[in-house]
Protein backbone atom coordinates (compact mmCIF):
# COMPACT_ATOMS: atom_id res chain seq x y z
CA MET A 1 121.87 -135.45 -73.27
CA ALA A 2 122.55 -138.78 -71.63
CA ASP A 3 126.30 -138.32 -71.91
CA GLY A 4 126.02 -134.85 -70.47
CA ALA A 5 123.93 -136.13 -67.59
CA ASP A 6 126.49 -138.86 -66.93
CA LYS A 7 129.30 -136.33 -66.90
CA GLU A 8 127.37 -134.08 -64.56
CA SER A 9 126.76 -136.97 -62.16
CA GLN A 10 130.47 -137.85 -62.05
CA THR A 11 131.32 -135.59 -59.14
CA GLU A 12 133.35 -137.96 -56.95
CA ASP A 13 137.12 -138.44 -57.02
CA PRO A 14 138.21 -141.75 -58.58
CA THR A 15 138.94 -144.64 -56.26
CA GLU A 16 142.31 -146.33 -56.11
CA LYS A 17 140.85 -149.34 -57.91
CA ARG A 18 139.53 -147.16 -60.74
CA ILE A 19 142.93 -145.49 -61.12
CA GLN A 20 144.78 -148.82 -61.02
CA ASP A 21 142.45 -150.42 -63.57
CA THR A 22 142.92 -147.43 -65.89
CA ILE A 23 146.70 -147.62 -65.59
CA GLU A 24 146.66 -151.36 -66.31
CA LYS A 25 144.72 -150.66 -69.51
CA GLY A 26 147.48 -148.29 -70.62
CA ASN A 27 145.41 -145.13 -70.24
CA LEU A 28 147.99 -142.78 -68.75
CA PRO A 29 148.33 -138.99 -68.74
CA VAL A 30 150.83 -138.03 -71.45
CA SER A 31 152.09 -134.65 -72.60
CA ARG A 32 152.45 -134.41 -76.37
CA GLU A 33 154.81 -131.50 -75.94
CA ALA A 34 157.46 -133.50 -74.07
CA PRO A 35 158.75 -135.31 -77.21
CA ILE A 36 159.02 -131.93 -78.98
CA LEU A 37 161.12 -130.57 -76.12
CA ALA A 38 163.24 -133.73 -76.20
CA SER A 39 163.83 -133.24 -79.93
CA LEU A 40 164.88 -129.62 -79.40
CA LEU A 41 167.30 -130.59 -76.64
CA ALA A 42 168.67 -133.37 -78.85
CA ALA A 43 169.16 -130.84 -81.66
CA ILE A 44 171.08 -128.59 -79.28
CA GLY A 45 173.23 -131.57 -78.28
CA VAL A 46 173.92 -132.34 -81.95
CA VAL A 47 174.95 -128.74 -82.59
CA ILE A 48 177.20 -128.55 -79.52
CA PHE A 49 178.88 -131.95 -79.56
CA GLN A 50 178.73 -133.09 -83.16
CA ALA A 51 177.96 -130.46 -85.76
CA ARG A 52 181.26 -128.58 -85.64
CA ASN A 53 183.70 -131.50 -85.79
CA ASN A 54 181.65 -134.07 -87.66
CA ALA A 55 180.30 -131.59 -90.18
CA ALA A 56 183.83 -130.45 -90.94
CA GLN A 57 184.95 -134.06 -91.34
CA LEU A 58 181.98 -134.84 -93.60
CA PHE A 59 182.70 -131.78 -95.69
CA SER A 60 186.34 -132.81 -96.02
CA ASP A 61 185.49 -136.41 -96.99
CA LEU A 62 182.91 -135.36 -99.57
CA LYS A 63 185.28 -132.74 -100.95
CA VAL A 64 187.96 -135.37 -101.55
CA THR A 65 185.40 -137.70 -103.12
CA PHE A 66 183.84 -135.22 -105.54
CA GLU A 67 186.94 -133.14 -106.40
CA ASN A 68 188.68 -136.22 -107.80
CA PRO A 69 186.09 -137.87 -110.05
CA THR A 70 188.82 -139.67 -112.00
CA GLN A 71 189.41 -141.99 -109.06
CA TRP A 72 186.02 -143.55 -109.70
CA SER A 73 185.60 -145.77 -112.69
CA ILE A 74 181.88 -146.34 -113.03
CA GLY A 75 181.42 -148.75 -115.89
CA ASN A 76 178.63 -150.92 -114.58
CA GLY A 77 176.08 -151.26 -111.79
CA TYR A 78 178.56 -152.84 -109.43
CA ASP A 79 180.86 -149.81 -109.69
CA ALA A 80 177.89 -147.50 -109.03
CA LEU A 81 176.97 -149.47 -105.92
CA GLY A 82 180.55 -149.19 -104.68
CA PHE A 83 180.48 -145.43 -105.15
CA LEU A 84 177.15 -145.13 -103.29
CA HIS A 85 178.49 -147.36 -100.53
CA THR A 86 181.44 -145.02 -99.98
CA ILE A 87 179.18 -141.95 -99.91
CA SER A 88 176.84 -143.70 -97.46
CA LEU A 89 179.68 -144.56 -95.09
CA GLN A 90 180.97 -141.01 -95.13
CA THR A 91 177.48 -139.64 -94.47
CA ALA A 92 176.69 -142.24 -91.79
CA HIS A 93 179.44 -140.93 -89.54
CA PHE A 94 177.47 -137.71 -89.30
CA VAL A 95 173.87 -138.94 -89.54
CA LEU A 96 173.89 -142.01 -87.27
CA PRO A 97 175.08 -140.33 -84.03
CA ALA A 98 172.54 -137.54 -84.54
CA THR A 99 169.77 -140.05 -85.25
CA GLY A 100 170.71 -142.09 -82.20
CA LEU A 101 170.59 -138.99 -80.00
CA PHE A 102 167.11 -138.10 -81.27
CA ILE A 103 165.89 -141.68 -80.64
CA VAL A 104 167.29 -141.72 -77.09
CA ALA A 105 165.73 -138.32 -76.39
CA GLY A 106 162.32 -139.51 -77.62
CA ILE A 107 162.48 -142.66 -75.48
CA LEU A 108 163.49 -140.69 -72.38
CA ALA A 109 160.62 -138.26 -72.96
CA SER A 110 158.20 -141.17 -72.66
CA LEU A 111 159.93 -142.98 -69.80
CA LEU A 112 160.18 -139.88 -67.62
CA GLN A 113 156.43 -139.27 -67.90
CA ASN A 114 155.24 -142.79 -67.05
CA PRO A 115 156.90 -146.12 -66.22
CA PRO A 116 157.11 -148.53 -69.17
CA GLN A 117 154.53 -151.31 -69.43
CA ILE A 118 153.50 -153.94 -71.94
CA ASN A 119 149.83 -153.50 -72.78
CA LEU A 120 148.23 -155.27 -75.73
CA GLU A 121 144.96 -153.44 -75.11
CA ARG A 122 146.39 -150.28 -76.68
CA ILE A 123 147.15 -151.97 -80.01
CA ARG A 124 144.01 -154.08 -80.19
CA PRO A 125 141.82 -153.05 -83.16
CA LYS A 126 138.76 -151.07 -82.04
CA ALA A 127 135.73 -149.99 -84.04
CA SER A 128 135.85 -146.59 -82.33
CA ASN A 129 139.20 -145.87 -83.97
CA VAL A 130 137.62 -145.96 -87.44
CA SER A 131 134.26 -144.52 -86.45
CA LEU A 132 133.55 -141.27 -88.28
CA THR A 133 131.23 -140.08 -85.52
CA GLN A 134 133.72 -140.62 -82.71
CA GLY A 135 136.56 -139.33 -84.86
CA TRP A 136 134.58 -136.15 -85.54
CA GLY A 137 133.94 -135.83 -81.82
CA ARG A 138 137.64 -136.18 -81.04
CA LEU A 139 138.53 -133.52 -83.61
CA PHE A 140 135.90 -130.99 -82.64
CA GLY A 141 135.35 -131.83 -79.00
CA LYS A 142 136.84 -130.03 -76.02
CA ARG A 143 140.05 -132.05 -76.24
CA GLY A 144 140.38 -131.34 -79.96
CA PHE A 145 139.96 -127.58 -79.46
CA THR A 146 142.49 -127.70 -76.63
CA GLU A 147 145.07 -129.34 -78.87
CA PHE A 148 144.29 -126.86 -81.65
CA ALA A 149 144.78 -123.94 -79.23
CA LYS A 150 148.12 -125.38 -78.11
CA SER A 151 149.22 -125.75 -81.73
CA LEU A 152 148.34 -122.14 -82.46
CA PHE A 153 150.18 -121.02 -79.35
CA LYS A 154 153.29 -122.98 -80.37
CA PHE A 155 153.17 -121.67 -83.94
CA PHE A 156 152.81 -118.01 -83.05
CA GLY A 157 155.19 -118.33 -80.11
CA ALA A 158 157.89 -119.82 -82.34
CA MET A 159 157.24 -117.15 -85.00
CA ILE A 160 157.65 -114.35 -82.46
CA ILE A 161 160.83 -115.83 -80.96
CA VAL A 162 162.43 -116.51 -84.34
CA GLY A 163 161.44 -113.08 -85.64
CA TRP A 164 162.82 -111.35 -82.56
CA ILE A 165 166.17 -113.18 -82.71
CA LEU A 166 166.56 -112.70 -86.46
CA SER A 167 165.83 -108.99 -86.12
CA LYS A 168 168.62 -108.69 -83.55
CA GLU A 169 171.01 -110.77 -85.67
CA LEU A 170 170.20 -108.98 -88.95
CA PRO A 171 173.33 -106.76 -88.92
CA LEU A 172 175.51 -109.82 -88.37
CA LEU A 173 173.80 -111.70 -91.21
CA LEU A 174 174.30 -108.76 -93.58
CA ALA A 175 177.95 -108.48 -92.58
CA THR A 176 178.45 -112.20 -93.24
CA MET A 177 177.59 -111.63 -96.91
CA PHE A 178 180.77 -109.59 -97.26
CA SER A 179 183.01 -111.64 -94.99
CA ASP A 180 185.13 -114.72 -95.53
CA PRO A 181 182.90 -117.63 -96.75
CA GLN A 182 184.73 -119.96 -94.40
CA GLN A 183 183.12 -118.09 -91.49
CA LEU A 184 179.61 -118.81 -92.78
CA PRO A 185 179.22 -122.31 -91.18
CA GLU A 186 180.28 -120.98 -87.80
CA THR A 187 177.82 -118.09 -88.09
CA ILE A 188 175.00 -120.43 -89.05
CA LEU A 189 175.78 -122.77 -86.15
CA GLY A 190 175.84 -119.90 -83.68
CA LEU A 191 172.53 -118.56 -84.98
CA ALA A 192 171.00 -122.06 -84.86
CA MET A 193 172.12 -122.45 -81.26
CA ARG A 194 170.51 -119.18 -80.20
CA LEU A 195 167.28 -120.05 -82.00
CA LEU A 196 167.13 -123.56 -80.53
CA ALA A 197 167.93 -122.32 -77.03
CA ALA A 198 165.23 -119.64 -77.11
CA VAL A 199 162.60 -122.00 -78.49
CA SER A 200 163.60 -124.67 -75.94
CA VAL A 201 163.13 -122.29 -73.01
CA ALA A 202 159.64 -121.41 -74.24
CA THR A 203 158.88 -125.10 -74.81
CA ILE A 204 159.98 -126.00 -71.27
CA LEU A 205 157.32 -123.66 -69.90
CA LEU A 206 154.78 -125.12 -72.30
CA VAL A 207 155.66 -128.71 -71.33
CA ALA A 208 155.41 -127.94 -67.60
CA ALA A 209 151.95 -126.45 -68.08
CA ASP A 210 150.89 -129.29 -70.39
CA LEU A 211 152.05 -131.98 -67.94
CA LEU A 212 150.00 -130.40 -65.17
CA PHE A 213 147.00 -129.83 -67.44
CA SER A 214 147.06 -133.38 -68.86
CA ARG A 215 147.04 -134.91 -65.39
CA ILE A 216 144.20 -132.66 -64.26
CA LEU A 217 142.17 -133.68 -67.32
CA TRP A 218 143.07 -137.35 -66.76
CA ARG A 219 141.79 -137.33 -63.19
CA ARG A 220 138.73 -135.36 -64.24
CA ASP A 221 137.90 -137.97 -66.89
CA LEU A 222 138.22 -140.68 -64.22
CA ARG A 223 135.68 -139.08 -61.89
CA MET A 224 132.91 -141.39 -60.77
CA SER A 225 129.29 -141.03 -59.87
CA LYS A 226 128.07 -142.06 -56.43
CA GLN A 227 126.32 -145.03 -58.00
CA GLU A 228 129.56 -146.17 -59.66
CA ILE A 229 131.33 -146.03 -56.31
CA LYS A 230 128.55 -148.08 -54.71
CA ASP A 231 128.73 -150.61 -57.53
CA GLU A 232 132.50 -150.87 -57.18
CA MET A 233 132.25 -151.40 -53.43
CA LYS A 234 129.59 -154.02 -54.04
CA GLN A 235 131.86 -155.82 -56.49
CA ALA A 236 134.82 -155.60 -54.14
CA GLU A 237 132.93 -156.78 -51.07
CA GLY A 238 130.41 -158.93 -52.88
CA ASP A 239 126.71 -158.45 -53.47
CA PRO A 240 124.98 -158.63 -50.04
CA MET A 241 122.26 -160.90 -51.45
CA VAL A 242 124.84 -163.21 -53.04
CA LYS A 243 126.92 -163.25 -49.86
CA ALA A 244 123.83 -164.03 -47.78
CA ARG A 245 122.98 -166.88 -50.13
CA GLN A 246 126.56 -168.17 -49.94
CA ARG A 247 126.44 -168.07 -46.13
CA GLN A 248 123.14 -169.93 -46.19
CA ILE A 249 124.57 -172.61 -48.47
CA ALA A 250 127.65 -172.89 -46.24
CA ARG A 251 125.44 -173.28 -43.16
CA GLU A 252 123.37 -175.96 -44.87
CA ARG A 253 126.49 -177.85 -45.93
CA ASN A 254 127.92 -177.57 -42.45
CA LYS A 255 124.64 -178.78 -40.98
CA ARG A 256 124.54 -181.82 -43.28
CA ARG A 257 128.16 -182.61 -42.51
CA MET A 258 127.54 -182.41 -38.75
CA MET A 259 124.45 -184.58 -38.97
CA ALA A 260 126.45 -187.15 -40.90
CA SER A 261 129.12 -187.10 -38.16
CA VAL A 262 126.73 -187.59 -35.22
CA PRO A 263 126.64 -191.41 -35.60
CA LYS A 264 130.41 -191.41 -34.99
CA ALA A 265 129.98 -189.68 -31.62
CA THR A 266 130.72 -191.34 -28.28
CA VAL A 267 128.35 -189.21 -26.21
CA VAL A 268 125.96 -186.27 -26.62
CA ILE A 269 125.87 -183.69 -23.85
CA ALA A 270 122.58 -181.81 -23.94
CA ASN A 271 120.32 -179.34 -22.33
CA PRO A 272 116.96 -181.13 -22.48
CA THR A 273 115.63 -179.04 -25.38
CA HIS A 274 117.93 -176.12 -26.24
CA TYR A 275 121.56 -177.27 -26.60
CA ALA A 276 123.35 -180.39 -27.77
CA ILE A 277 127.07 -181.14 -28.25
CA ALA A 278 128.15 -184.45 -29.78
CA LEU A 279 131.60 -185.62 -28.67
CA ARG A 280 133.80 -188.41 -29.98
CA TYR A 281 136.40 -189.98 -27.73
CA VAL A 282 138.35 -193.10 -28.65
CA ARG A 283 141.41 -193.75 -26.53
CA GLU A 284 143.29 -195.38 -29.41
CA GLU A 285 142.91 -192.21 -31.53
CA GLY A 286 144.59 -190.13 -28.85
CA GLY A 287 143.96 -186.57 -27.80
CA ALA A 288 141.06 -184.94 -25.98
CA PRO A 289 137.41 -185.51 -26.92
CA LEU A 290 136.57 -184.10 -30.35
CA VAL A 291 133.46 -182.02 -31.08
CA VAL A 292 131.77 -183.61 -34.10
CA ALA A 293 128.53 -181.59 -33.97
CA LYS A 294 126.75 -178.94 -31.95
CA GLY A 295 123.41 -177.25 -32.29
CA VAL A 296 120.73 -175.21 -30.65
CA ASP A 297 116.95 -175.61 -30.56
CA ALA A 298 115.76 -177.54 -33.65
CA MET A 299 119.27 -178.67 -34.56
CA ALA A 300 119.86 -179.77 -30.97
CA LEU A 301 116.74 -181.90 -31.09
CA LYS A 302 117.90 -183.35 -34.44
CA ILE A 303 121.27 -184.26 -32.95
CA ARG A 304 119.54 -186.02 -30.01
CA GLU A 305 117.21 -187.83 -32.40
CA ILE A 306 120.09 -189.18 -34.50
CA ALA A 307 122.05 -190.11 -31.37
CA GLU A 308 119.12 -192.03 -29.91
CA THR A 309 118.57 -193.76 -33.27
CA HIS A 310 122.19 -195.00 -33.22
CA ASP A 311 122.14 -195.87 -29.49
CA ILE A 312 124.58 -193.10 -28.57
CA PRO A 313 124.33 -192.09 -24.90
CA VAL A 314 122.75 -188.70 -24.22
CA VAL A 315 123.83 -186.91 -21.06
CA GLU A 316 121.54 -184.12 -19.92
CA ASP A 317 123.41 -181.37 -18.10
CA LYS A 318 122.05 -177.84 -18.53
CA LEU A 319 125.06 -176.00 -17.17
CA LEU A 320 127.72 -178.05 -18.96
CA ALA A 321 125.86 -178.11 -22.30
CA ARG A 322 125.27 -174.37 -22.36
CA SER A 323 128.81 -173.53 -21.23
CA MET A 324 130.40 -175.87 -23.76
CA TYR A 325 128.27 -174.57 -26.63
CA ASP A 326 129.75 -171.08 -26.26
CA HIS A 327 133.36 -172.29 -26.05
CA VAL A 328 133.78 -175.25 -28.41
CA GLU A 329 134.04 -175.44 -32.18
CA VAL A 330 133.11 -178.28 -34.52
CA ASP A 331 136.04 -180.50 -35.60
CA GLN A 332 138.15 -179.20 -32.72
CA MET A 333 139.04 -180.73 -29.36
CA ILE A 334 137.32 -179.42 -26.26
CA PRO A 335 139.17 -176.73 -24.27
CA PRO A 336 141.08 -177.78 -21.13
CA GLN A 337 138.52 -176.27 -18.73
CA PHE A 338 136.06 -179.02 -19.73
CA PHE A 339 138.44 -181.97 -19.43
CA LYS A 340 137.42 -182.92 -15.90
CA ALA A 341 133.66 -182.67 -16.41
CA VAL A 342 133.69 -184.56 -19.72
CA ALA A 343 136.09 -187.18 -18.33
CA GLU A 344 133.69 -187.90 -15.47
CA VAL A 345 130.83 -188.33 -17.95
CA ILE A 346 132.82 -190.69 -20.18
CA TYR A 347 134.12 -192.65 -17.18
CA TYR A 348 130.62 -193.11 -15.82
CA LEU A 349 129.38 -194.31 -19.24
CA HIS A 350 132.22 -196.81 -19.51
CA GLU A 351 131.57 -198.10 -16.01
CA ARG A 352 127.79 -198.37 -16.48
CA PRO A 353 127.09 -198.88 -20.18
CA GLY A 354 123.50 -198.68 -21.32
CA THR A 355 122.40 -196.32 -18.52
CA ARG A 356 120.89 -192.87 -18.97
CA LEU A 357 122.78 -190.19 -17.06
CA GLU A 358 121.01 -186.98 -16.01
CA ILE A 359 123.04 -184.32 -14.20
CA GLY A 360 121.72 -181.08 -12.79
CA VAL A 361 118.13 -181.59 -14.05
CA ALA A 362 115.65 -179.83 -11.86
């Protein structure tokens, strides 16, 4: 019941990530009928391009070999191996090209369905592959009955096609019994061609339907529930609670780092209680004043406290502190629009060290 409920809840189309993960695991839609069609087409190719000439050559070679047995002196095992070697070479000229064509056809049938990939997951031993329960479910489940129905369709379809062609060719077959025996191979080849061609046409239709059906089933099996989609989005974007915790940790680290940098500041520009910006300016280091820390409310008070502890001048300017807070970033130089105001503050501090400067305080 649980499995059925899960299947019923999987009403959403698969996401791109789900599809990509499935492909990477080697789970791809495959038609089992495509290799059969490839074998039939390879057989037709063998009949057209090889059977007539190569079969005649094989027949001629074997005829010469067996009609002159006196040419072979088989007195020991070595002589027998030599005889078998000759027979094998004569047969190989006919068998190897045909075998190679069938192999190429089988490989193409796989490559044309899906791009090749190396996936060790498919060959990794799994307990489910030897499980009697899951094996029984595969045999007698929906997929098993579908494959059984296709097998029945292929069997009866082939029987009907072969029976229909043989019934039409029956007069020719009967006439062949009374004709020249040398015409028999040609008659058999012609009949084989017609049978293969008819079965191939029917198989093409079957393969087209099976390719479409296998992909529909593949996408249906990849359907997801709404909860699975939410979980995937959460994994992709990160758990909100974890991300919030990470942001909190980052803020705490940044706060500790800024507090540790305040003693290096040259001056702190502050609103009396709400804003504070700690600046470092050393002429020998070059560049504009650098923002080493900034804070608001409690952090601003902490920055002022550390600055006063280390005898760092604190300049109170409401307008400048608030304006700078919105436009400066820690570990970056101040923007050009603040050069003049900050330069005046630093110049005044250099001219009158040890004084407390208050600007714009009501």
